[in-house]
Amino acid sequence: MSQRSGNFLAGLLVGLLSTGLLLLLTSRPRGQPVLLLPPPTPLPVRVHVSGAVSRPGVYELAQGAIVEQAIEAAGGSLAAADLGSLNLAAQLQDGQQVIVHQPGEEQPPTPSSPPGGSGELVSVNTATAAELEKLPGIGPVLAQNILEHRRAHGPFSRAEDLLNVSGIGPSILEAIRDLVVIP
């Protein structure tokens, strides 16, 4: 009897496993398939290159391009160009103008006293907390938030990126927009 009950249990187990496998193979898939999209292609930056270059004009360059690449896109600098007045390694921003001057050519004045500010422009990518606090509406807490965001996400590429910092909204951004530089 025990042999018979053992065979019965083994047969029952094989039958149940077979039925389960058959149901699994013939059942409809559940849910929707996941469609993976390719990562978005970063938009190019458009820069205006003028002055002592072969072909002045507006050029589209890849994100992360530097001033030297903009000058190359414009056909290179003329022999009389004063490249020493430019930071050729500076990263370009969308809408930026790169002016290649000739030696002795008068350079446009840099703003010495921005409206409503302390008279100094502040680089949000290199400034300390104390330097950031000189900006209107930026106290110790927001200065620290800017530093933490910069550490976590890397340098800011445009002023609007400050809106991603906790505590900075459109009104604060407008108050400091003309006082910050993003090299």
C-alpha atoms as a PDB file:
ATOM      1  CA  MET A   1       0.000   0.000   0.000  1.00  0.00           C
ATOM      2  CA  SER A   2       2.816   2.378   0.700  1.00  0.00           C
ATOM      3  CA  GLN A   3       4.329   1.673  -2.734  1.00  0.00           C
ATOM      4  CA  ARG A   4       0.960   2.376  -4.277  1.00  0.00           C
ATOM      5  CA  SER A   5       0.456   5.644  -2.374  1.00  0.00           C
ATOM      6  CA  GLY A   6       4.012   6.723  -3.268  1.00  0.00           C
ATOM      7  CA  ASN A   7       3.339   6.143  -6.974  1.00  0.00           C
ATOM      8  CA  PHE A   8       0.039   7.988  -6.684  1.00  0.00           C
ATOM      9  CA  LEU A   9       1.684  11.009  -5.023  1.00  0.00           C
ATOM     10  CA  ALA A  10       4.505  11.046  -7.577  1.00  0.00           C
ATOM     11  CA  GLY A  11       1.984  10.886 -10.423  1.00  0.00           C
ATOM     12  CA  LEU A  12      -0.094  13.636  -8.845  1.00  0.00           C
ATOM     13  CA  LEU A  13       3.002  15.834  -8.425  1.00  0.00           C
ATOM     14  CA  VAL A  14       4.094  15.288 -12.053  1.00  0.00           C
ATOM     15  CA  GLY A  15       0.557  16.037 -13.237  1.00  0.00           C
ATOM     16  CA  LEU A  16       0.356  19.264 -11.251  1.00  0.00           C
ATOM     17  CA  LEU A  17       3.786  20.425 -12.437  1.00  0.00           C
ATOM     18  CA  SER A  18       2.888  19.605 -16.047  1.00  0.00           C
ATOM     19  CA  THR A  19      -0.399  21.474 -15.776  1.00  0.00           C
ATOM     20  CA  GLY A  20       1.319  24.511 -14.200  1.00  0.00           C
ATOM     21  CA  LEU A  21       4.010  24.551 -16.875  1.00  0.00           C
ATOM     22  CA  LEU A  22       1.404  24.234 -19.617  1.00  0.00           C
ATOM     23  CA  LEU A  23      -0.613  27.137 -18.152  1.00  0.00           C
ATOM     24  CA  LEU A  24       2.513  29.268 -17.827  1.00  0.00           C
ATOM     25  CA  LEU A  25       3.534  28.691 -21.439  1.00  0.00           C
ATOM     26  CA  THR A  26       0.079  29.305 -22.931  1.00  0.00           C
ATOM     27  CA  SER A  27      -1.000  32.301 -20.828  1.00  0.00           C
ATOM     28  CA  ARG A  28      -0.958  35.850 -22.246  1.00  0.00           C
ATOM     29  CA  PRO A  29       1.818  38.175 -21.134  1.00  0.00           C
ATOM     30  CA  ARG A  30       0.828  40.556 -18.371  1.00  0.00           C
ATOM     31  CA  GLY A  31       1.294  44.311 -18.633  1.00  0.00           C
ATOM     32  CA  GLN A  32       2.867  46.296 -21.427  1.00  0.00           C
ATOM     33  CA  PRO A  33       6.398  45.833 -22.719  1.00  0.00           C
ATOM     34  CA  VAL A  34       8.872  48.487 -21.626  1.00  0.00           C
ATOM     35  CA  LEU A  35      10.075  50.632 -24.503  1.00  0.00           C
ATOM     36  CA  LEU A  36      13.550  52.067 -23.907  1.00  0.00           C
ATOM     37  CA  LEU A  37      14.236  55.342 -25.670  1.00  0.00           C
ATOM     38  CA  PRO A  38      17.721  56.485 -26.601  1.00  0.00           C
ATOM     39  CA  PRO A  39      19.092  59.292 -24.424  1.00  0.00           C
ATOM     40  CA  PRO A  40      18.300  62.760 -25.779  1.00  0.00           C
ATOM     41  CA  THR A  41      20.958  64.373 -27.915  1.00  0.00           C
ATOM     42  CA  PRO A  42      22.194  67.561 -26.245  1.00  0.00           C
ATOM     43  CA  LEU A  43      21.321  70.702 -28.170  1.00  0.00           C
ATOM     44  CA  PRO A  44      24.229  72.556 -29.755  1.00  0.00           C
ATOM     45  CA  VAL A  45      25.343  75.938 -28.477  1.00  0.00           C
ATOM     46  CA  ARG A  46      25.136  78.851 -30.879  1.00  0.00           C
ATOM     47  CA  VAL A  47      27.877  81.460 -30.598  1.00  0.00           C
ATOM     48  CA  HIS A  48      28.611  84.650 -32.489  1.00  0.00           C
ATOM     49  CA  VAL A  49      32.277  84.900 -33.462  1.00  0.00           C
ATOM     50  CA  SER A  50      33.412  88.323 -34.650  1.00  0.00           C
ATOM     51  CA  GLY A  51      36.462  90.509 -35.008  1.00  0.00           C
ATOM     52  CA  ALA A  52      39.813  89.311 -36.327  1.00  0.00           C
ATOM     53  CA  VAL A  53      38.688  85.939 -37.722  1.00  0.00           C
ATOM     54  CA  SER A  54      38.479  84.678 -41.307  1.00  0.00           C
ATOM     55  CA  ARG A  55      34.700  84.157 -41.416  1.00  0.00           C
ATOM     56  CA  PRO A  56      32.792  86.052 -38.702  1.00  0.00           C
ATOM     57  CA  GLY A  57      29.306  84.742 -38.046  1.00  0.00           C
ATOM     58  CA  VAL A  58      27.064  82.573 -35.915  1.00  0.00           C
ATOM     59  CA  TYR A  59      28.185  78.981 -35.449  1.00  0.00           C
ATOM     60  CA  GLU A  60      26.632  75.910 -33.856  1.00  0.00           C
ATOM     61  CA  LEU A  61      29.018  73.852 -31.751  1.00  0.00           C
ATOM     62  CA  ALA A  62      28.586  70.830 -29.508  1.00  0.00           C
ATOM     63  CA  GLN A  63      27.832  71.243 -25.800  1.00  0.00           C
ATOM     64  CA  GLY A  64      31.107  71.617 -23.928  1.00  0.00           C
ATOM     65  CA  ALA A  65      32.885  73.389 -26.799  1.00  0.00           C
ATOM     66  CA  ILE A  66      35.489  75.990 -25.891  1.00  0.00           C
ATOM     67  CA  VAL A  67      36.433  79.427 -27.279  1.00  0.00           C
ATOM     68  CA  GLU A  68      39.307  77.945 -29.299  1.00  0.00           C
ATOM     69  CA  GLN A  69      36.857  75.674 -31.167  1.00  0.00           C
ATOM     70  CA  ALA A  70      34.595  78.645 -31.939  1.00  0.00           C
ATOM     71  CA  ILE A  71      37.514  80.522 -33.481  1.00  0.00           C
ATOM     72  CA  GLU A  72      38.445  77.432 -35.523  1.00  0.00           C
ATOM     73  CA  ALA A  73      34.837  77.158 -36.741  1.00  0.00           C
ATOM     74  CA  ALA A  74      35.103  80.766 -37.941  1.00  0.00           C
ATOM     75  CA  GLY A  75      38.071  79.846 -40.124  1.00  0.00           C
ATOM     76  CA  GLY A  76      40.731  80.639 -37.556  1.00  0.00           C
ATOM     77  CA  SER A  77      42.138  83.921 -36.361  1.00  0.00           C
ATOM     78  CA  LEU A  78      43.782  86.478 -38.607  1.00  0.00           C
ATOM     79  CA  ALA A  79      47.526  87.053 -38.316  1.00  0.00           C
ATOM     80  CA  ALA A  80      46.896  90.345 -36.526  1.00  0.00           C
ATOM     81  CA  ALA A  81      44.620  88.805 -33.876  1.00  0.00           C
ATOM     82  CA  ASP A  82      45.385  89.291 -30.182  1.00  0.00           C
ATOM     83  CA  LEU A  83      44.529  85.839 -28.825  1.00  0.00           C
ATOM     84  CA  GLY A  84      46.265  86.671 -25.548  1.00  0.00           C
ATOM     85  CA  SER A  85      43.240  88.722 -24.513  1.00  0.00           C
ATOM     86  CA  LEU A  86      40.994  85.635 -24.678  1.00  0.00           C
ATOM     87  CA  ASN A  87      40.719  82.571 -22.494  1.00  0.00           C
ATOM     88  CA  LEU A  88      40.830  79.985 -25.276  1.00  0.00           C
ATOM     89  CA  ALA A  89      39.918  77.191 -22.833  1.00  0.00           C
ATOM     90  CA  ALA A  90      36.727  78.855 -21.545  1.00  0.00           C
ATOM     91  CA  GLN A  91      33.595  76.818 -22.128  1.00  0.00           C
ATOM     92  CA  LEU A  92      31.047  78.432 -24.428  1.00  0.00           C
ATOM     93  CA  GLN A  93      27.476  79.287 -23.456  1.00  0.00           C
ATOM     94  CA  ASP A  94      24.506  79.383 -25.819  1.00  0.00           C
ATOM     95  CA  GLY A  95      24.106  82.899 -27.217  1.00  0.00           C
ATOM     96  CA  GLN A  96      27.617  83.998 -26.262  1.00  0.00           C
ATOM     97  CA  GLN A  97      29.621  86.406 -28.412  1.00  0.00           C
ATOM     98  CA  VAL A  98      33.342  85.805 -28.887  1.00  0.00           C
ATOM     99  CA  ILE A  99      35.167  88.916 -30.073  1.00  0.00           C
ATOM    100  CA  VAL A 100      38.720  88.430 -31.318  1.00  0.00           C
ATOM    101  CA  HIS A 101      40.452  91.798 -30.987  1.00  0.00           C
ATOM    102  CA  GLN A 102      43.531  93.115 -32.737  1.00  0.00           C
ATOM    103  CA  PRO A 103      46.470  94.428 -30.693  1.00  0.00           C
ATOM    104  CA  GLY A 104      45.853  97.973 -29.526  1.00  0.00           C
ATOM    105  CA  GLU A 105      42.144  97.733 -30.267  1.00  0.00           C
ATOM    106  CA  GLU A 106      40.081  99.162 -27.432  1.00  0.00           C
ATOM    107  CA  GLN A 107      38.327  96.445 -25.438  1.00  0.00           C
ATOM    108  CA  PRO A 108      34.778  97.105 -24.256  1.00  0.00           C
ATOM    109  CA  PRO A 109      34.679  98.053 -20.584  1.00  0.00           C
ATOM    110  CA  THR A 110      33.748  95.362 -18.133  1.00  0.00           C
ATOM    111  CA  PRO A 111      30.835  96.273 -15.895  1.00  0.00           C
ATOM    112  CA  SER A 112      32.376  97.687 -12.740  1.00  0.00           C
ATOM    113  CA  SER A 113      29.175  98.298 -10.851  1.00  0.00           C
ATOM    114  CA  PRO A 114      26.231  96.132 -11.785  1.00  0.00           C
ATOM    115  CA  PRO A 115      22.834  97.557 -10.923  1.00  0.00           C
ATOM    116  CA  GLY A 116      21.938  97.028  -7.280  1.00  0.00           C
ATOM    117  CA  GLY A 117      25.084  95.062  -6.513  1.00  0.00           C
ATOM    118  CA  SER A 118      28.309  95.369  -4.601  1.00  0.00           C
ATOM    119  CA  GLY A 119      30.234  96.330  -7.734  1.00  0.00           C
ATOM    120  CA  GLU A 120      31.665  92.847  -8.241  1.00  0.00           C
ATOM    121  CA  LEU A 121      30.411  90.085 -10.467  1.00  0.00           C
ATOM    122  CA  VAL A 122      30.293  86.692  -8.767  1.00  0.00           C
ATOM    123  CA  SER A 123      31.181  83.445 -10.515  1.00  0.00           C
ATOM    124  CA  VAL A 124      28.699  80.903  -9.168  1.00  0.00           C
ATOM    125  CA  ASN A 125      30.979  78.056 -10.273  1.00  0.00           C
ATOM    126  CA  THR A 126      33.977  79.163  -8.212  1.00  0.00           C
ATOM    127  CA  ALA A 127      32.607  81.470  -5.488  1.00  0.00           C
ATOM    128  CA  THR A 128      32.836  80.682  -1.791  1.00  0.00           C
ATOM    129  CA  ALA A 129      29.824  80.910   0.496  1.00  0.00           C
ATOM    130  CA  ALA A 130      30.970  84.365   1.663  1.00  0.00           C
ATOM    131  CA  GLU A 131      31.215  85.611  -1.927  1.00  0.00           C
ATOM    132  CA  LEU A 132      27.766  84.226  -2.776  1.00  0.00           C
ATOM    133  CA  GLU A 133      26.263  86.000   0.241  1.00  0.00           C
ATOM    134  CA  LYS A 134      27.209  89.344  -1.355  1.00  0.00           C
ATOM    135  CA  LEU A 135      24.432  88.745  -3.890  1.00  0.00           C
ATOM    136  CA  PRO A 136      21.023  90.289  -3.080  1.00  0.00           C
ATOM    137  CA  GLY A 137      18.655  87.778  -1.511  1.00  0.00           C
ATOM    138  CA  ILE A 138      21.387  85.173  -0.932  1.00  0.00           C
ATOM    139  CA  GLY A 139      22.016  84.501   2.736  1.00  0.00           C
ATOM    140  CA  PRO A 140      24.043  81.779   4.449  1.00  0.00           C
ATOM    141  CA  VAL A 141      21.444  79.043   3.819  1.00  0.00           C
ATOM    142  CA  LEU A 142      21.038  79.747   0.078  1.00  0.00           C
ATOM    143  CA  ALA A 143      24.801  80.154  -0.335  1.00  0.00           C
ATOM    144  CA  GLN A 144      25.276  76.711   1.228  1.00  0.00           C
ATOM    145  CA  ASN A 145      22.513  75.272  -1.003  1.00  0.00           C
ATOM    146  CA  ILE A 146      24.334  76.624  -4.083  1.00  0.00           C
ATOM    147  CA  LEU A 147      27.617  75.062  -2.958  1.00  0.00           C
ATOM    148  CA  GLU A 148      25.960  71.704  -2.246  1.00  0.00           C
ATOM    149  CA  HIS A 149      24.162  71.707  -5.615  1.00  0.00           C
ATOM    150  CA  ARG A 150      27.442  72.551  -7.357  1.00  0.00           C
ATOM    151  CA  ARG A 151      29.221  69.685  -5.547  1.00  0.00           C
ATOM    152  CA  ALA A 152      26.448  67.191  -6.322  1.00  0.00           C
ATOM    153  CA  HIS A 153      25.702  68.164  -9.942  1.00  0.00           C
ATOM    154  CA  GLY A 154      28.852  69.886 -11.213  1.00  0.00           C
ATOM    155  CA  PRO A 155      29.237  73.459 -12.465  1.00  0.00           C
ATOM    156  CA  PHE A 156      26.327  75.569 -13.631  1.00  0.00           C
ATOM    157  CA  SER A 157      26.190  76.004 -17.398  1.00  0.00           C
ATOM    158  CA  ARG A 158      23.745  78.931 -17.460  1.00  0.00           C
ATOM    159  CA  ALA A 159      22.087  81.282 -14.983  1.00  0.00           C
ATOM    160  CA  GLU A 160      18.732  79.487 -15.278  1.00  0.00           C
ATOM    161  CA  ASP A 161      20.347  76.381 -13.731  1.00  0.00           C
ATOM    162  CA  LEU A 162      20.227  78.225 -10.405  1.00  0.00           C
ATOM    163  CA  LEU A 163      16.474  77.541 -10.383  1.00  0.00           C
ATOM    164  CA  ASN A 164      17.392  73.911  -9.601  1.00  0.00           C
ATOM    165  CA  VAL A 165      18.897  75.001  -6.276  1.00  0.00           C
ATOM    166  CA  SER A 166      16.576  74.537  -3.319  1.00  0.00           C
ATOM    167  CA  GLY A 167      15.238  77.935  -2.231  1.00  0.00           C
ATOM    168  CA  ILE A 168      15.986  79.872  -5.418  1.00  0.00           C
ATOM    169  CA  GLY A 169      12.943  80.892  -7.394  1.00  0.00           C
ATOM    170  CA  PRO A 170      12.333  83.178 -10.371  1.00  0.00           C
ATOM    171  CA  SER A 171      12.359  86.378  -8.276  1.00  0.00           C
ATOM    172  CA  ILE A 172      15.753  85.668  -6.724  1.00  0.00           C
ATOM    173  CA  LEU A 173      17.149  84.616 -10.087  1.00  0.00           C
ATOM    174  CA  GLU A 174      16.030  87.903 -11.664  1.00  0.00           C
ATOM    175  CA  ALA A 175      17.592  89.853  -8.776  1.00  0.00           C
ATOM    176  CA  ILE A 176      21.000  88.201  -9.245  1.00  0.00           C
ATOM    177  CA  ARG A 177      21.025  87.396 -12.988  1.00  0.00           C
ATOM    178  CA  ASP A 178      23.094  90.477 -13.948  1.00  0.00           C
ATOM    179  CA  LEU A 179      25.442  89.994 -11.005  1.00  0.00           C
ATOM    180  CA  VAL A 180      26.557  86.438 -11.672  1.00  0.00           C
ATOM    181  CA  VAL A 181      28.909  85.113 -14.307  1.00  0.00           C
ATOM    182  CA  ILE A 182      29.165  81.563 -15.525  1.00  0.00           C
ATOM    183  CA  PRO A 183      32.592  81.191 -17.137  1.00  0.00           C
END
